[in-house]
Amino acid sequence: MARIAPRHVIPRIRMNPRVLNARSTLLGPRGPRVTWACGLIILFGLVAAIACSDATGPRSDILTIDRTLDGLMLRNRIGEPVYWYAAERESLAYTEYVFCTGAACASIAAHASERLDYDRIAGYHPGAREAVVFHFRLVPATGGGVRADSVRGLVVRL
């Protein structure tokens, strides 16, 4: 006599072994868990993100800027003077500035540093959040004299 299963018994569905193995490897036998390989990948990702972040402030090919408690530190990265002008970012809309090309211009000597107090930033006020430091080199102009080469600008959080 053949045995007939009762109606209340649900037949078991056989899962594909590849799907079962992949699922148990990722989730583990007792639920979600991170394997040691995933942990290493996460660790290396965090280390790479920290190592590749810029420890200094903004910089260009000729100038590096670091924040201090009461101002900015401008560092000349090249072997000739770097001329600069700093303005509070929101005040640039109503600031008209012609880049200085004379001996009295604000400059940083070759491979030197200069501290820039906040009160020397044009348009600075106590609630200011950002400043732009324009900087350039002076190069000989055709017809005599000197002119600013490509003017660079760095935005700095205050």
Protein backbone atom coordinates (compact mmCIF):
# COMPACT_ATOMS: atom_id res chain seq x y z
CA MET A 1 0.00 0.00 0.00
CA ALA A 2 1.34 3.41 -0.98
CA ARG A 3 1.86 6.01 1.65
CA ILE A 4 0.12 9.35 1.03
CA ALA A 5 1.31 12.49 2.72
CA PRO A 6 -1.24 14.33 4.83
CA ARG A 7 -2.57 17.58 3.34
CA HIS A 8 -1.13 19.75 6.12
CA VAL A 9 2.49 18.80 5.31
CA ILE A 10 4.20 21.32 3.01
CA PRO A 11 6.72 19.72 0.70
CA ARG A 12 10.34 20.89 1.14
CA ILE A 13 11.82 22.84 -1.73
CA ARG A 14 15.35 21.89 -2.51
CA MET A 15 17.63 24.94 -2.93
CA ASN A 16 20.41 25.15 -5.44
CA PRO A 17 23.68 24.30 -3.56
CA ARG A 18 25.55 27.22 -5.19
CA VAL A 19 22.99 29.74 -3.94
CA LEU A 20 22.97 28.12 -0.51
CA ASN A 21 26.79 28.21 -0.23
CA ALA A 22 27.04 31.81 -1.41
CA ARG A 23 24.34 32.86 1.04
CA SER A 24 25.85 31.02 3.98
CA THR A 25 29.31 32.46 3.21
CA LEU A 26 28.06 36.04 3.19
CA LEU A 27 25.56 35.78 5.99
CA GLY A 28 27.04 33.02 8.09
CA PRO A 29 25.15 30.12 9.61
CA ARG A 30 23.45 32.24 12.30
CA GLY A 31 22.66 35.49 10.50
CA PRO A 32 24.62 38.50 9.23
CA ARG A 33 28.30 38.69 10.11
CA VAL A 34 31.38 40.27 8.63
CA THR A 35 34.04 37.81 7.62
CA TRP A 36 37.68 38.57 8.34
CA ALA A 37 38.27 39.28 4.64
CA CYS A 38 35.50 41.89 4.57
CA GLY A 39 36.92 43.38 7.76
CA LEU A 40 40.36 43.71 6.17
CA ILE A 41 38.89 45.35 3.09
CA ILE A 42 37.03 47.87 5.24
CA LEU A 43 40.17 48.53 7.33
CA PHE A 44 42.37 49.11 4.27
CA GLY A 45 39.72 51.40 2.78
CA LEU A 46 39.65 53.54 5.93
CA VAL A 47 43.46 53.67 6.14
CA ALA A 48 43.68 54.68 2.46
CA ALA A 49 41.06 57.40 2.93
CA ILE A 50 42.92 58.86 5.89
CA ALA A 51 46.35 58.55 4.27
CA CYS A 52 45.24 60.21 1.05
CA SER A 53 43.56 63.15 2.75
CA ASP A 54 45.42 66.43 2.70
CA ALA A 55 46.88 67.15 6.14
CA THR A 56 47.65 70.75 5.20
CA GLY A 57 45.29 73.40 4.01
CA PRO A 58 44.69 74.49 0.43
CA ARG A 59 47.69 74.76 -1.86
CA SER A 60 48.69 75.58 -5.38
CA ASP A 61 51.91 75.06 -7.26
CA ILE A 62 53.48 78.12 -5.58
CA LEU A 63 51.70 78.63 -2.23
CA THR A 64 50.41 76.57 0.71
CA ILE A 65 47.97 77.99 3.26
CA ASP A 66 47.40 76.66 6.78
CA ARG A 67 44.91 77.95 9.35
CA THR A 68 46.09 79.06 12.76
CA LEU A 69 44.04 80.21 15.76
CA ASP A 70 44.24 83.88 14.86
CA GLY A 71 45.03 83.94 11.15
CA LEU A 72 46.53 82.11 8.21
CA MET A 73 50.06 80.89 7.54
CA LEU A 74 51.15 81.46 3.94
CA ARG A 75 54.11 79.34 2.77
CA ASN A 76 55.99 80.08 -0.43
CA ARG A 77 56.85 76.81 -2.22
CA ILE A 78 59.13 78.22 -4.94
CA GLY A 79 62.51 79.95 -5.23
CA GLU A 80 61.20 83.43 -6.02
CA PRO A 81 58.83 85.88 -4.31
CA VAL A 82 55.08 85.20 -4.37
CA TYR A 83 52.76 88.23 -4.32
CA TRP A 84 49.34 87.93 -2.71
CA TYR A 85 46.05 89.65 -1.94
CA ALA A 86 43.45 88.24 0.49
CA ALA A 87 39.76 89.14 0.69
CA GLU A 88 36.74 87.79 2.53
CA ARG A 89 34.83 85.70 -0.01
CA GLU A 90 31.43 87.43 0.24
CA SER A 91 33.04 90.87 -0.03
CA LEU A 92 34.55 90.04 -3.44
CA ALA A 93 31.28 91.08 -5.10
CA TYR A 94 31.93 94.71 -4.21
CA THR A 95 35.74 94.71 -4.17
CA GLU A 96 37.66 96.17 -7.08
CA TYR A 97 41.31 95.26 -7.04
CA VAL A 98 44.09 95.84 -9.53
CA PHE A 99 46.91 93.40 -8.92
CA CYS A 100 49.90 95.20 -7.52
CA THR A 101 53.16 94.98 -9.47
CA GLY A 102 55.42 97.30 -7.49
CA ALA A 103 58.01 96.92 -4.76
CA ALA A 104 55.46 97.88 -2.07
CA CYS A 105 53.20 94.90 -2.86
CA ALA A 106 52.49 92.26 -0.22
CA SER A 107 54.84 89.39 -0.95
CA ILE A 108 56.48 86.35 0.59
CA ALA A 109 60.19 85.79 0.02
CA ALA A 110 61.49 82.65 -1.66
CA HIS A 111 60.82 79.50 0.43
CA ALA A 112 59.63 81.64 3.35
CA SER A 113 56.43 81.81 5.42
CA GLU A 114 54.30 84.73 6.51
CA ARG A 115 51.54 84.92 9.08
CA LEU A 116 48.42 86.69 7.86
CA ASP A 117 46.22 87.98 10.69
CA TYR A 118 42.49 87.99 10.00
CA ASP A 119 42.33 91.78 10.28
CA ARG A 120 44.65 92.06 7.23
CA ILE A 121 42.09 90.24 5.05
CA ALA A 122 40.08 92.78 3.03
CA GLY A 123 36.42 92.81 4.07
CA TYR A 124 36.99 90.52 7.07
CA HIS A 125 34.40 90.61 9.86
CA PRO A 126 33.98 88.33 12.91
CA GLY A 127 31.24 86.24 11.23
CA ALA A 128 33.26 85.60 8.05
CA ARG A 129 33.53 81.95 7.07
CA GLU A 130 35.77 81.95 3.99
CA ALA A 131 38.48 84.03 2.37
CA VAL A 132 40.10 83.91 -1.04
CA VAL A 133 43.86 84.34 -1.27
CA PHE A 134 44.90 85.46 -4.75
CA HIS A 135 48.59 84.90 -5.45
CA PHE A 136 50.94 85.25 -8.38
CA ARG A 137 54.52 85.73 -9.50
CA LEU A 138 55.83 88.80 -11.28
CA VAL A 139 57.32 88.16 -14.70
CA PRO A 140 58.92 90.55 -17.21
CA ALA A 141 56.37 92.30 -19.41
CA THR A 142 56.87 92.95 -23.08
CA GLY A 143 57.90 96.56 -23.50
CA GLY A 144 59.55 96.72 -20.07
CA GLY A 145 58.39 96.49 -16.50
CA VAL A 146 56.73 93.49 -14.86
CA ARG A 147 53.28 91.94 -14.89
CA ALA A 148 51.46 89.28 -12.88
CA ASP A 149 51.67 85.82 -14.39
CA SER A 150 48.61 83.56 -14.12
CA VAL A 151 46.77 84.70 -11.02
CA ARG A 152 45.75 81.81 -8.77
CA GLY A 153 43.10 81.87 -6.08
CA LEU A 154 42.67 79.58 -3.08
CA VAL A 155 39.52 79.47 -0.95
CA VAL A 156 40.28 79.08 2.75
CA ARG A 157 37.85 78.35 5.59
CA LEU A 158 38.30 80.83 8.43
